[in-house]
């Protein structure tokens, strides 16, 4: 089975992202630099490098309005507003750290009709 269809490959060649990816985590770098935060950032950077559009939604440390890091837009929202933001961003897929942080267990399987990878 091919990794992508010819239409998807043509879109990528024209500069469009292959997939819209939203990473859902509780905390993120550079504010927190523990194992899952660093791992999810490395994954996000690798996905950007492969041509995907990646944004991160975090539900912890809400003292900022969001930021950009290594070409990745980071959205800081409350836990209760996370689903609304995910719907706004309309991702094709959502990787989740699956660490049992409070946000991630709710994300296993599907969230808002989007496939979630833990």
Protein backbone atom coordinates (compact mmCIF):
# COMPACT_ATOMS: atom_id res chain seq x y z
CA UNK A 1 0.00 0.00 0.00
CA UNK A 2 1.47 3.42 -0.91
CA UNK A 3 2.26 5.90 1.84
CA UNK A 4 0.10 8.51 0.12
CA UNK A 5 -2.10 8.74 -2.96
CA UNK A 6 -1.02 10.51 -6.13
CA UNK A 7 -3.38 13.39 -5.31
CA UNK A 8 -1.87 13.71 -1.83
CA UNK A 9 1.63 13.58 -3.30
CA UNK A 10 0.72 16.30 -5.83
CA UNK A 11 -0.63 18.51 -3.02
CA UNK A 12 2.58 17.98 -1.06
CA UNK A 13 4.72 18.80 -4.10
CA UNK A 14 2.74 22.06 -4.42
CA UNK A 15 3.62 22.99 -0.85
CA UNK A 16 0.44 21.92 0.93
CA UNK A 17 0.73 19.94 4.13
CA UNK A 18 0.08 16.20 3.88
CA UNK A 19 -1.76 16.01 7.19
CA UNK A 20 -3.03 18.50 9.74
CA UNK A 21 -1.71 17.20 13.04
CA UNK A 22 -2.66 18.46 16.49
CA UNK A 23 -0.58 17.20 19.40
CA UNK A 24 -2.61 17.18 22.61
CA UNK A 25 -0.56 17.35 25.81
CA UNK A 26 -0.78 18.69 29.31
CA UNK A 27 2.61 20.46 29.28
CA UNK A 28 5.15 21.30 26.60
CA UNK A 29 8.65 22.61 26.03
CA UNK A 30 10.36 24.97 26.75
CA UNK A 31 8.31 25.57 29.91
CA UNK A 32 8.58 21.89 30.88
CA UNK A 33 11.46 19.73 29.65
CA UNK A 34 10.77 16.25 31.03
CA UNK A 35 10.58 13.01 29.05
CA UNK A 36 7.10 13.18 27.52
CA UNK A 37 7.37 16.89 26.72
CA UNK A 38 10.69 16.46 24.94
CA UNK A 39 9.50 13.29 23.16
CA UNK A 40 6.32 14.94 21.86
CA UNK A 41 8.31 17.98 20.69
CA UNK A 42 10.74 15.75 18.82
CA UNK A 43 7.78 13.98 17.19
CA UNK A 44 6.19 17.33 16.27
CA UNK A 45 9.46 18.59 14.74
CA UNK A 46 9.89 15.37 12.75
CA UNK A 47 6.32 15.66 11.42
CA UNK A 48 6.93 19.28 10.38
CA UNK A 49 10.14 18.15 8.68
CA UNK A 50 8.14 15.52 6.75
CA UNK A 51 5.79 18.19 5.38
CA UNK A 52 2.89 17.99 7.82
CA UNK A 53 1.20 20.99 9.45
CA UNK A 54 1.63 20.55 13.21
CA UNK A 55 0.08 22.49 16.06
CA UNK A 56 0.20 21.70 19.77
CA UNK A 57 -2.63 22.17 22.26
CA UNK A 58 -1.59 22.28 25.92
CA UNK A 59 -3.89 22.54 28.91
CA UNK A 60 -1.41 23.49 31.60
CA UNK A 61 0.51 26.68 32.47
CA UNK A 62 -1.93 29.19 31.06
CA UNK A 63 0.09 32.32 31.76
CA UNK A 64 0.77 32.88 28.04
CA UNK A 65 -1.49 33.27 25.04
CA UNK A 66 0.44 30.68 23.08
CA UNK A 67 3.71 30.78 21.22
CA UNK A 68 5.69 29.43 18.25
CA UNK A 69 8.60 27.04 18.70
CA UNK A 70 10.62 25.46 15.88
CA UNK A 71 7.87 26.17 13.33
CA UNK A 72 5.16 24.76 15.59
CA UNK A 73 2.24 26.86 16.86
CA UNK A 74 1.49 26.11 20.52
CA UNK A 75 -2.01 26.90 21.80
CA UNK A 76 -2.54 27.19 25.55
CA UNK A 77 -6.14 26.56 26.55
CA UNK A 78 -8.02 25.38 29.60
CA UNK A 79 -8.93 21.70 29.84
CA UNK A 80 -12.59 22.61 29.33
CA UNK A 81 -11.79 24.55 26.12
CA UNK A 82 -9.48 21.93 24.61
CA UNK A 83 -12.18 20.18 22.57
CA UNK A 84 -13.39 23.47 21.08
CA UNK A 85 -9.86 24.38 20.04
CA UNK A 86 -9.32 20.95 18.52
CA UNK A 87 -12.52 21.35 16.48
CA UNK A 88 -11.33 24.81 15.31
CA UNK A 89 -7.98 23.38 14.20
CA UNK A 90 -9.69 20.50 12.37
CA UNK A 91 -6.83 17.96 12.50
CA UNK A 92 -6.61 14.75 10.50
CA UNK A 93 -4.86 12.97 13.37
CA UNK A 94 -3.81 13.67 16.97
CA UNK A 95 -0.82 12.01 18.59
CA UNK A 96 -1.05 11.99 22.39
CA UNK A 97 1.60 11.17 24.95
CA UNK A 98 -0.74 8.73 26.70
CA UNK A 99 1.06 9.35 29.98
CA UNK A 100 -2.05 9.47 32.14
CA UNK A 101 -1.69 13.23 32.63
CA UNK A 102 -5.40 13.96 32.77
CA UNK A 103 -5.79 15.31 29.25
CA UNK A 104 -4.46 12.27 27.42
CA UNK A 105 -6.65 9.44 28.77
CA UNK A 106 -9.71 11.25 27.41
CA UNK A 107 -7.95 11.37 24.06
CA UNK A 108 -7.43 7.65 23.50
CA UNK A 109 -9.22 6.21 20.47
CA UNK A 110 -11.06 9.23 19.10
CA UNK A 111 -11.73 12.77 20.25
CA UNK A 112 -14.21 14.86 18.34
CA UNK A 113 -14.21 12.36 15.48
CA UNK A 114 -10.43 12.58 15.05
CA UNK A 115 -8.21 9.50 15.31
CA UNK A 116 -5.92 9.74 18.34
CA UNK A 117 -2.62 7.88 18.49
CA UNK A 118 -1.22 7.16 21.95
